[in-house]
Amino acid sequence: MSAPVIETDRLILRAHRLDDFPALAAMWGDPAVSQFISGKPSTREECWARLLRYSGHWALLGFGYWAVQWKDSARLIGDVGFANWERDISPSLDGLPEGGWVFSSEAHGRGIATEAVNAALVWMDEKFGAKTTACIIGPGNAASIRLAQRVGYREYGRSEFKGSQMIQFRRNGALGGSVDA
């Protein structure tokens, strides 16, 4: 399976392409973008592996990440979607598609993250029904916490992941609510 194309008022969510690699590497290499995700810019090698993992999710699991672009430009400005990263984390995320999003600095503060994440969640709800999804966000990432809450994620618990504190969030699929801890 390949990523379906989703259009919103301003955006196109589509499968990643080989020609996205320069923009993807630039986005993930930007310290302002990576500060709350990994704490450091990604190398080209890490970005290449990420691009391949995005395609593999769709092929193996039937869900994954979309490349996000403006409708009037073919250039990648973000990634949004769901993954199974097989994280060693407690509480466990086993069986829960993990939602995630990242956008280039040029896209910050323009409301497109909410637009793209909502579109991805609508697709997930239509495809998988009431499937619960999760996301993990560092407590210092106030913008992503606000976004997660705005689209229906609720705090589920606290975890440590790779030496950093994380907040785990859950969202009930088509029901659109929180999952009690």
N, C-alpha and C. Protein backbone atom coordinates (compact mmCIF):
# COMPACT_ATOMS: atom_id res chain seq x y z
N MET A 1 0.84 -1.19 0.00
CA MET A 1 0.00 0.00 0.00
C MET A 1 0.88 1.24 0.00
N SER A 2 0.47 2.22 -0.73
CA SER A 2 1.14 3.51 -0.75
C SER A 2 0.25 4.52 -0.03
N ALA A 3 0.84 5.59 0.44
CA ALA A 3 0.07 6.61 1.16
C ALA A 3 -0.99 7.21 0.24
N PRO A 4 -2.24 7.26 0.70
CA PRO A 4 -3.26 7.92 -0.09
C PRO A 4 -3.02 9.43 -0.10
N VAL A 5 -3.51 10.11 -1.10
CA VAL A 5 -3.40 11.56 -1.18
C VAL A 5 -4.59 12.17 -0.45
N ILE A 6 -4.30 13.12 0.42
CA ILE A 6 -5.33 13.85 1.16
C ILE A 6 -5.14 15.34 0.87
N GLU A 7 -6.22 16.01 0.54
CA GLU A 7 -6.16 17.46 0.32
C GLU A 7 -6.98 18.17 1.39
N THR A 8 -6.43 19.25 1.91
CA THR A 8 -7.14 20.12 2.84
C THR A 8 -7.28 21.48 2.14
N ASP A 9 -7.75 22.47 2.85
CA ASP A 9 -7.90 23.79 2.24
C ASP A 9 -6.58 24.32 1.66
N ARG A 10 -5.48 24.11 2.40
CA ARG A 10 -4.20 24.69 1.97
C ARG A 10 -3.12 23.68 1.65
N LEU A 11 -3.35 22.41 1.99
CA LEU A 11 -2.27 21.43 1.96
C LEU A 11 -2.59 20.20 1.12
N ILE A 12 -1.53 19.52 0.72
CA ILE A 12 -1.63 18.18 0.16
C ILE A 12 -0.77 17.27 1.02
N LEU A 13 -1.36 16.18 1.49
CA LEU A 13 -0.63 15.12 2.19
C LEU A 13 -0.50 13.99 1.19
N ARG A 14 0.72 13.53 0.95
CA ARG A 14 0.99 12.55 -0.10
C ARG A 14 2.14 11.66 0.32
N ALA A 15 2.38 10.62 -0.47
CA ALA A 15 3.52 9.75 -0.21
C ALA A 15 4.82 10.53 -0.37
N HIS A 16 5.81 10.15 0.42
CA HIS A 16 7.15 10.72 0.24
C HIS A 16 7.74 10.24 -1.07
N ARG A 17 8.54 11.09 -1.68
CA ARG A 17 9.21 10.77 -2.94
C ARG A 17 10.71 10.96 -2.77
N LEU A 18 11.45 10.36 -3.66
CA LEU A 18 12.90 10.50 -3.62
C LEU A 18 13.32 11.96 -3.70
N ASP A 19 12.62 12.76 -4.50
CA ASP A 19 13.01 14.17 -4.64
C ASP A 19 12.65 15.01 -3.41
N ASP A 20 12.00 14.42 -2.41
CA ASP A 20 11.76 15.10 -1.13
C ASP A 20 13.01 15.11 -0.24
N PHE A 21 13.98 14.26 -0.57
CA PHE A 21 15.10 14.08 0.35
C PHE A 21 15.83 15.39 0.70
N PRO A 22 16.17 16.27 -0.25
CA PRO A 22 16.86 17.50 0.15
C PRO A 22 16.06 18.35 1.14
N ALA A 23 14.75 18.50 0.90
CA ALA A 23 13.93 19.29 1.82
C ALA A 23 13.78 18.59 3.16
N LEU A 24 13.63 17.26 3.14
CA LEU A 24 13.53 16.49 4.37
C LEU A 24 14.81 16.64 5.20
N ALA A 25 15.95 16.51 4.55
CA ALA A 25 17.24 16.65 5.25
C ALA A 25 17.41 18.06 5.81
N ALA A 26 16.98 19.06 5.06
CA ALA A 26 17.09 20.44 5.54
C ALA A 26 16.17 20.67 6.74
N MET A 27 14.95 20.15 6.66
CA MET A 27 14.00 20.33 7.75
C MET A 27 14.51 19.65 9.03
N TRP A 28 14.87 18.36 8.93
CA TRP A 28 15.34 17.62 10.11
C TRP A 28 16.72 18.07 10.56
N GLY A 29 17.46 18.75 9.71
CA GLY A 29 18.77 19.27 10.09
C GLY A 29 18.71 20.63 10.75
N ASP A 30 17.54 21.22 10.82
CA ASP A 30 17.33 22.54 11.42
C ASP A 30 17.21 22.39 12.94
N PRO A 31 18.10 23.02 13.70
CA PRO A 31 18.03 22.91 15.17
C PRO A 31 16.69 23.36 15.75
N ALA A 32 16.03 24.33 15.14
CA ALA A 32 14.73 24.79 15.64
C ALA A 32 13.66 23.72 15.48
N VAL A 33 13.80 22.86 14.49
CA VAL A 33 12.84 21.80 14.25
C VAL A 33 13.12 20.61 15.16
N SER A 34 14.38 20.25 15.32
CA SER A 34 14.74 19.02 16.04
C SER A 34 14.90 19.19 17.54
N GLN A 35 14.90 20.42 18.04
CA GLN A 35 15.20 20.66 19.45
C GLN A 35 14.34 19.86 20.42
N PHE A 36 13.07 19.69 20.13
CA PHE A 36 12.18 18.97 21.06
C PHE A 36 11.98 17.51 20.68
N ILE A 37 12.54 17.09 19.54
CA ILE A 37 12.35 15.71 19.10
C ILE A 37 13.54 14.86 19.50
N SER A 38 14.70 15.21 19.00
CA SER A 38 15.90 14.44 19.32
C SER A 38 16.90 15.27 20.12
N GLY A 39 16.68 16.58 20.16
CA GLY A 39 17.59 17.46 20.85
C GLY A 39 18.78 17.90 20.01
N LYS A 40 18.89 17.32 18.81
CA LYS A 40 20.00 17.70 17.92
C LYS A 40 19.56 17.51 16.47
N PRO A 41 20.13 18.28 15.57
CA PRO A 41 19.79 18.11 14.16
C PRO A 41 20.14 16.71 13.67
N SER A 42 19.33 16.20 12.75
CA SER A 42 19.58 14.89 12.16
C SER A 42 20.62 14.99 11.06
N THR A 43 21.42 13.95 10.94
CA THR A 43 22.41 13.88 9.85
C THR A 43 21.69 13.47 8.56
N ARG A 44 22.37 13.62 7.44
CA ARG A 44 21.80 13.16 6.16
C ARG A 44 21.53 11.66 6.20
N GLU A 45 22.43 10.91 6.82
CA GLU A 45 22.25 9.47 6.94
C GLU A 45 20.98 9.14 7.73
N GLU A 46 20.76 9.82 8.85
CA GLU A 46 19.56 9.60 9.65
C GLU A 46 18.30 9.99 8.86
N CYS A 47 18.39 11.06 8.09
CA CYS A 47 17.25 11.50 7.28
C CYS A 47 16.95 10.49 6.17
N TRP A 48 17.98 9.92 5.58
CA TRP A 48 17.79 8.91 4.55
C TRP A 48 17.06 7.69 5.14
N ALA A 49 17.50 7.24 6.31
CA ALA A 49 16.86 6.11 6.98
C ALA A 49 15.41 6.43 7.31
N ARG A 50 15.14 7.67 7.74
CA ARG A 50 13.78 8.09 8.05
C ARG A 50 12.91 8.01 6.79
N LEU A 51 13.40 8.50 5.67
CA LEU A 51 12.65 8.46 4.42
C LEU A 51 12.29 7.02 4.05
N LEU A 52 13.23 6.12 4.21
CA LEU A 52 12.97 4.71 3.90
C LEU A 52 11.97 4.09 4.88
N ARG A 53 12.07 4.45 6.16
CA ARG A 53 11.11 3.93 7.15
C ARG A 53 9.69 4.42 6.85
N TYR A 54 9.57 5.66 6.40
CA TYR A 54 8.25 6.18 6.05
C TYR A 54 7.59 5.30 4.99
N SER A 55 8.32 4.98 3.94
CA SER A 55 7.77 4.14 2.87
C SER A 55 7.48 2.74 3.38
N GLY A 56 8.34 2.20 4.21
CA GLY A 56 8.16 0.85 4.74
C GLY A 56 6.91 0.71 5.60
N HIS A 57 6.56 1.73 6.34
CA HIS A 57 5.35 1.66 7.16
C HIS A 57 4.12 1.42 6.30
N TRP A 58 3.99 2.18 5.23
CA TRP A 58 2.83 2.01 4.35
C TRP A 58 2.81 0.61 3.75
N ALA A 59 3.96 0.15 3.31
CA ALA A 59 4.02 -1.16 2.65
C ALA A 59 3.71 -2.31 3.61
N LEU A 60 4.14 -2.21 4.84
CA LEU A 60 3.99 -3.32 5.78
C LEU A 60 2.79 -3.21 6.72
N LEU A 61 2.41 -1.99 7.08
CA LEU A 61 1.38 -1.82 8.11
C LEU A 61 0.08 -1.18 7.62
N GLY A 62 0.10 -0.61 6.43
CA GLY A 62 -1.11 0.04 5.92
C GLY A 62 -1.36 1.42 6.49
N PHE A 63 -0.42 1.95 7.23
CA PHE A 63 -0.44 3.34 7.69
C PHE A 63 0.99 3.81 7.76
N GLY A 64 1.17 5.11 7.88
CA GLY A 64 2.52 5.67 7.92
C GLY A 64 2.48 7.17 7.94
N TYR A 65 3.55 7.76 7.45
CA TYR A 65 3.69 9.21 7.42
C TYR A 65 3.47 9.74 6.01
N TRP A 66 2.84 10.89 5.95
CA TRP A 66 2.67 11.62 4.70
C TRP A 66 3.69 12.74 4.63
N ALA A 67 4.10 13.07 3.42
CA ALA A 67 4.81 14.32 3.15
C ALA A 67 3.74 15.40 3.06
N VAL A 68 4.00 16.54 3.65
CA VAL A 68 3.05 17.65 3.63
C VAL A 68 3.63 18.76 2.76
N GLN A 69 2.82 19.26 1.85
CA GLN A 69 3.24 20.36 0.98
C GLN A 69 2.11 21.37 0.87
N TRP A 70 2.46 22.62 0.54
CA TRP A 70 1.44 23.60 0.20
C TRP A 70 0.80 23.17 -1.10
N LYS A 71 -0.47 23.51 -1.30
CA LYS A 71 -1.16 23.15 -2.54
C LYS A 71 -0.49 23.79 -3.76
N ASP A 72 0.08 24.96 -3.59
CA ASP A 72 0.66 25.67 -4.73
C ASP A 72 2.17 25.44 -4.88
N SER A 73 2.71 24.46 -4.16
CA SER A 73 4.14 24.16 -4.24
C SER A 73 4.35 22.67 -3.98
N ALA A 74 5.22 22.06 -4.76
CA ALA A 74 5.47 20.62 -4.59
C ALA A 74 6.52 20.32 -3.53
N ARG A 75 7.09 21.36 -2.90
CA ARG A 75 8.17 21.17 -1.94
C ARG A 75 7.65 20.74 -0.57
N LEU A 76 8.28 19.74 0.01
CA LEU A 76 7.93 19.23 1.33
C LEU A 76 8.14 20.31 2.39
N ILE A 77 7.12 20.48 3.25
CA ILE A 77 7.24 21.42 4.37
C ILE A 77 6.98 20.74 5.71
N GLY A 78 6.69 19.42 5.67
CA GLY A 78 6.45 18.73 6.92
C GLY A 78 6.18 17.26 6.71
N ASP A 79 6.14 16.54 7.82
CA ASP A 79 5.79 15.12 7.87
C ASP A 79 4.72 14.97 8.93
N VAL A 80 3.71 14.15 8.64
CA VAL A 80 2.65 13.89 9.61
C VAL A 80 2.14 12.48 9.37
N GLY A 81 1.78 11.80 10.45
CA GLY A 81 1.21 10.47 10.27
C GLY A 81 1.33 9.61 11.51
N PHE A 82 1.40 8.30 11.24
CA PHE A 82 1.39 7.29 12.30
C PHE A 82 2.47 6.26 12.03
N ALA A 83 3.02 5.72 13.10
CA ALA A 83 4.09 4.74 12.96
C ALA A 83 4.03 3.73 14.09
N ASN A 84 4.76 2.66 13.88
CA ASN A 84 5.05 1.70 14.94
C ASN A 84 6.57 1.71 15.05
N TRP A 85 7.09 2.43 16.02
CA TRP A 85 8.55 2.56 16.18
C TRP A 85 9.13 1.47 17.07
N GLU A 86 8.30 0.58 17.62
CA GLU A 86 8.78 -0.48 18.52
C GLU A 86 9.60 0.10 19.66
N ARG A 87 9.08 1.16 20.26
CA ARG A 87 9.79 1.85 21.35
C ARG A 87 9.81 0.99 22.61
N ASP A 88 10.93 1.02 23.29
CA ASP A 88 11.06 0.39 24.60
C ASP A 88 10.68 1.45 25.63
N ILE A 89 9.39 1.50 25.94
CA ILE A 89 8.87 2.56 26.79
C ILE A 89 7.75 1.98 27.66
N SER A 90 7.58 2.55 28.85
CA SER A 90 6.52 2.10 29.75
C SER A 90 5.75 3.34 30.20
N PRO A 91 4.43 3.34 30.13
CA PRO A 91 3.58 2.30 29.62
C PRO A 91 3.87 1.99 28.15
N SER A 92 3.62 0.76 27.78
CA SER A 92 3.92 0.27 26.44
C SER A 92 3.02 0.93 25.39
N LEU A 93 3.57 1.09 24.21
CA LEU A 93 2.80 1.58 23.07
C LEU A 93 2.44 0.44 22.11
N ASP A 94 2.73 -0.80 22.52
CA ASP A 94 2.46 -1.95 21.65
C ASP A 94 1.02 -1.95 21.17
N GLY A 95 0.85 -2.11 19.88
CA GLY A 95 -0.47 -2.17 19.28
C GLY A 95 -1.13 -0.84 19.02
N LEU A 96 -0.47 0.25 19.42
CA LEU A 96 -1.04 1.58 19.22
C LEU A 96 -0.27 2.32 18.13
N PRO A 97 -0.91 2.69 17.03
CA PRO A 97 -0.23 3.56 16.08
C PRO A 97 0.16 4.85 16.81
N GLU A 98 1.40 5.26 16.62
CA GLU A 98 1.91 6.45 17.30
C GLU A 98 1.88 7.63 16.34
N GLY A 99 1.06 8.61 16.66
CA GLY A 99 0.95 9.81 15.84
C GLY A 99 2.16 10.70 16.04
N GLY A 100 2.51 11.40 14.97
CA GLY A 100 3.63 12.33 15.05
C GLY A 100 3.54 13.38 13.96
N TRP A 101 4.27 14.46 14.18
CA TRP A 101 4.27 15.56 13.23
C TRP A 101 5.54 16.37 13.40
N VAL A 102 5.99 16.91 12.30
CA VAL A 102 7.13 17.82 12.30
C VAL A 102 6.96 18.72 11.08
N PHE A 103 7.29 20.01 11.26
CA PHE A 103 7.13 20.97 10.18
C PHE A 103 8.35 21.87 10.11
N SER A 104 8.68 22.29 8.90
CA SER A 104 9.82 23.17 8.69
C SER A 104 9.58 24.50 9.40
N SER A 105 10.66 25.19 9.73
CA SER A 105 10.55 26.47 10.44
C SER A 105 9.67 27.45 9.70
N GLU A 106 9.73 27.45 8.37
CA GLU A 106 8.91 28.39 7.58
C GLU A 106 7.42 28.16 7.78
N ALA A 107 7.03 26.97 8.19
CA ALA A 107 5.62 26.63 8.36
C ALA A 107 5.12 26.88 9.79
N HIS A 108 6.01 27.12 10.73
CA HIS A 108 5.61 27.31 12.12
C HIS A 108 4.72 28.55 12.27
N GLY A 109 3.74 28.43 13.15
CA GLY A 109 2.90 29.57 13.49
C GLY A 109 1.85 29.93 12.45
N ARG A 110 1.58 29.03 11.50
CA ARG A 110 0.63 29.34 10.42
C ARG A 110 -0.62 28.46 10.48
N GLY A 111 -0.75 27.64 11.51
CA GLY A 111 -1.93 26.80 11.67
C GLY A 111 -1.97 25.56 10.79
N ILE A 112 -0.88 25.30 10.09
CA ILE A 112 -0.93 24.14 9.19
C ILE A 112 -0.74 22.83 9.93
N ALA A 113 -0.07 22.86 11.07
CA ALA A 113 0.09 21.62 11.83
C ALA A 113 -1.28 21.09 12.24
N THR A 114 -2.13 21.95 12.75
CA THR A 114 -3.48 21.52 13.14
C THR A 114 -4.24 21.00 11.93
N GLU A 115 -4.14 21.70 10.81
CA GLU A 115 -4.84 21.29 9.59
C GLU A 115 -4.36 19.91 9.11
N ALA A 116 -3.05 19.71 9.11
CA ALA A 116 -2.49 18.44 8.65
C ALA A 116 -2.78 17.30 9.61
N VAL A 117 -2.62 17.52 10.91
CA VAL A 117 -2.86 16.47 11.90
C VAL A 117 -4.34 16.08 11.90
N ASN A 118 -5.23 17.06 11.82
CA ASN A 118 -6.65 16.73 11.76
C ASN A 118 -6.97 15.88 10.53
N ALA A 119 -6.38 16.21 9.39
CA ALA A 119 -6.62 15.43 8.16
C ALA A 119 -6.12 14.00 8.34
N ALA A 120 -4.97 13.83 8.95
CA ALA A 120 -4.42 12.49 9.18
C ALA A 120 -5.31 11.71 10.14
N LEU A 121 -5.81 12.37 11.18
CA LEU A 121 -6.69 11.69 12.14
C LEU A 121 -8.02 11.30 11.51
N VAL A 122 -8.57 12.14 10.66
CA VAL A 122 -9.81 11.78 9.97
C VAL A 122 -9.58 10.53 9.13
N TRP A 123 -8.45 10.49 8.42
CA TRP A 123 -8.14 9.30 7.62
C TRP A 123 -8.02 8.07 8.51
N MET A 124 -7.30 8.18 9.62
CA MET A 124 -7.11 7.06 10.55
C MET A 124 -8.46 6.58 11.07
N ASP A 125 -9.32 7.52 11.46
CA ASP A 125 -10.64 7.16 11.97
C ASP A 125 -11.46 6.44 10.90
N GLU A 126 -11.41 6.92 9.67
CA GLU A 126 -12.17 6.28 8.59
C GLU A 126 -11.62 4.90 8.26
N LYS A 127 -10.31 4.75 8.30
CA LYS A 127 -9.66 3.49 7.92
C LYS A 127 -9.74 2.44 9.03
N PHE A 128 -9.53 2.87 10.28
CA PHE A 128 -9.40 1.93 11.39
C PHE A 128 -10.47 2.08 12.47
N GLY A 129 -11.45 2.94 12.27
CA GLY A 129 -12.55 3.09 13.23
C GLY A 129 -12.10 3.64 14.56
N ALA A 130 -12.52 2.99 15.61
CA ALA A 130 -12.27 3.49 16.97
C ALA A 130 -10.90 3.11 17.51
N LYS A 131 -9.93 2.90 16.65
CA LYS A 131 -8.57 2.53 17.06
C LYS A 131 -7.97 3.66 17.91
N THR A 132 -7.46 3.31 19.07
CA THR A 132 -6.76 4.27 19.90
C THR A 132 -5.38 4.51 19.32
N THR A 133 -4.98 5.77 19.27
CA THR A 133 -3.63 6.14 18.87
C THR A 133 -2.95 6.82 20.04
N ALA A 134 -1.65 6.90 19.97
CA ALA A 134 -0.85 7.50 21.04
C ALA A 134 0.11 8.51 20.43
N CYS A 135 0.67 9.35 21.27
CA CYS A 135 1.81 10.17 20.88
C CYS A 135 2.61 10.46 22.15
N ILE A 136 3.89 10.69 21.97
CA ILE A 136 4.74 11.07 23.10
C ILE A 136 5.37 12.42 22.78
N ILE A 137 5.38 13.28 23.80
CA ILE A 137 5.88 14.64 23.62
C ILE A 137 6.66 15.03 24.86
N GLY A 138 7.81 15.64 24.66
CA GLY A 138 8.59 16.16 25.78
C GLY A 138 7.85 17.28 26.48
N PRO A 139 7.94 17.37 27.81
CA PRO A 139 7.19 18.38 28.55
C PRO A 139 7.55 19.82 28.19
N GLY A 140 8.70 20.04 27.58
CA GLY A 140 9.09 21.39 27.19
C GLY A 140 8.53 21.83 25.85
N ASN A 141 7.90 20.93 25.14
CA ASN A 141 7.39 21.23 23.80
C ASN A 141 5.94 21.69 23.89
N ALA A 142 5.76 22.92 24.38
CA ALA A 142 4.42 23.44 24.64
C ALA A 142 3.57 23.50 23.38
N ALA A 143 4.15 23.85 22.25
CA ALA A 143 3.36 23.96 21.01
C ALA A 143 2.78 22.60 20.61
N SER A 144 3.58 21.54 20.69
CA SER A 144 3.08 20.21 20.32
C SER A 144 2.07 19.69 21.35
N ILE A 145 2.26 20.01 22.61
CA ILE A 145 1.29 19.60 23.63
C ILE A 145 -0.05 20.27 23.35
N ARG A 146 -0.04 21.58 23.04
CA ARG A 146 -1.28 22.28 22.72
C ARG A 146 -1.94 21.67 21.49
N LEU A 147 -1.15 21.35 20.47
CA LEU A 147 -1.69 20.75 19.26
C LEU A 147 -2.33 19.39 19.57
N ALA A 148 -1.61 18.55 20.31
CA ALA A 148 -2.14 17.23 20.66
C ALA A 148 -3.48 17.37 21.38
N GLN A 149 -3.57 18.27 22.33
CA GLN A 149 -4.81 18.47 23.07
C GLN A 149 -5.92 19.02 22.17
N ARG A 150 -5.56 19.92 21.27
CA ARG A 150 -6.54 20.52 20.37
C ARG A 150 -7.20 19.48 19.45
N VAL A 151 -6.44 18.43 19.07
CA VAL A 151 -6.98 17.41 18.16
C VAL A 151 -7.51 16.18 18.89
N GLY A 152 -7.61 16.23 20.21
CA GLY A 152 -8.28 15.17 20.95
C GLY A 152 -7.41 14.25 21.77
N TYR A 153 -6.10 14.46 21.79
CA TYR A 153 -5.23 13.64 22.64
C TYR A 153 -5.30 14.15 24.08
N ARG A 154 -5.26 13.20 25.02
CA ARG A 154 -5.27 13.53 26.44
C ARG A 154 -4.12 12.82 27.12
N GLU A 155 -3.58 13.48 28.16
CA GLU A 155 -2.44 12.88 28.85
C GLU A 155 -2.85 11.54 29.44
N TYR A 156 -1.96 10.57 29.25
CA TYR A 156 -2.19 9.20 29.71
C TYR A 156 -1.22 8.82 30.81
N GLY A 157 0.00 9.32 30.72
CA GLY A 157 1.02 8.98 31.71
C GLY A 157 2.34 9.64 31.38
N ARG A 158 3.29 9.43 32.26
CA ARG A 158 4.63 9.98 32.08
C ARG A 158 5.60 8.82 31.92
N SER A 159 6.62 9.03 31.08
CA SER A 159 7.59 7.99 30.78
C SER A 159 8.98 8.60 30.68
N GLU A 160 9.96 7.73 30.74
CA GLU A 160 11.31 8.11 30.38
C GLU A 160 11.65 7.37 29.10
N PHE A 161 12.19 8.11 28.13
CA PHE A 161 12.57 7.51 26.87
C PHE A 161 13.92 8.07 26.45
N LYS A 162 14.89 7.16 26.33
CA LYS A 162 16.26 7.53 25.93
C LYS A 162 16.81 8.67 26.80
N GLY A 163 16.55 8.55 28.09
CA GLY A 163 17.10 9.50 29.05
C GLY A 163 16.34 10.81 29.19
N SER A 164 15.21 10.95 28.52
CA SER A 164 14.41 12.17 28.59
C SER A 164 13.01 11.85 29.10
N GLN A 165 12.46 12.80 29.81
CA GLN A 165 11.08 12.65 30.28
C GLN A 165 10.12 12.91 29.13
N MET A 166 9.06 12.13 29.06
CA MET A 166 8.05 12.26 28.01
C MET A 166 6.67 12.20 28.63
N ILE A 167 5.74 12.88 28.00
CA ILE A 167 4.33 12.76 28.34
C ILE A 167 3.71 11.87 27.28
N GLN A 168 3.02 10.85 27.71
CA GLN A 168 2.29 10.00 26.78
C GLN A 168 0.85 10.49 26.70
N PHE A 169 0.36 10.55 25.47
CA PHE A 169 -1.02 10.95 25.21
C PHE A 169 -1.72 9.82 24.48
N ARG A 170 -3.03 9.74 24.66
CA ARG A 170 -3.86 8.77 23.95
C ARG A 170 -5.07 9.51 23.37
N ARG A 171 -5.57 8.96 22.27
CA ARG A 171 -6.79 9.48 21.64
C ARG A 171 -7.62 8.30 21.16
N ASN A 172 -8.89 8.25 21.57
CA ASN A 172 -9.80 7.23 21.05
C ASN A 172 -10.19 7.63 19.64
N GLY A 173 -10.03 6.71 18.70
CA GLY A 173 -10.29 6.96 17.30
C GLY A 173 -11.55 7.73 17.00
N ALA A 174 -12.48 7.13 16.31
CA ALA A 174 -13.69 7.81 15.85
C ALA A 174 -14.48 8.38 17.01
N LEU A 175 -14.22 7.90 18.21
CA LEU A 175 -14.89 8.43 19.38
C LEU A 175 -14.33 9.79 19.78
N GLY A 176 -13.05 10.02 19.41
CA GLY A 176 -12.41 11.31 19.60
C GLY A 176 -12.25 11.75 21.04
N GLY A 177 -11.99 10.94 21.94
CA GLY A 177 -11.83 11.38 23.32
C GLY A 177 -10.60 10.81 23.96
N SER A 178 -10.49 11.05 25.23
CA SER A 178 -9.33 10.58 25.95
C SER A 178 -9.53 9.12 26.37
N VAL A 179 -8.42 8.52 26.73
CA VAL A 179 -8.42 7.16 27.26
C VAL A 179 -8.01 7.27 28.71
N ASP A 180 -8.81 6.73 29.60
CA ASP A 180 -8.47 6.82 31.02
C ASP A 180 -7.23 6.00 31.33
N ALA A 181 -6.40 6.57 32.22
CA ALA A 181 -5.17 5.90 32.63
C ALA A 181 -5.47 4.75 33.55
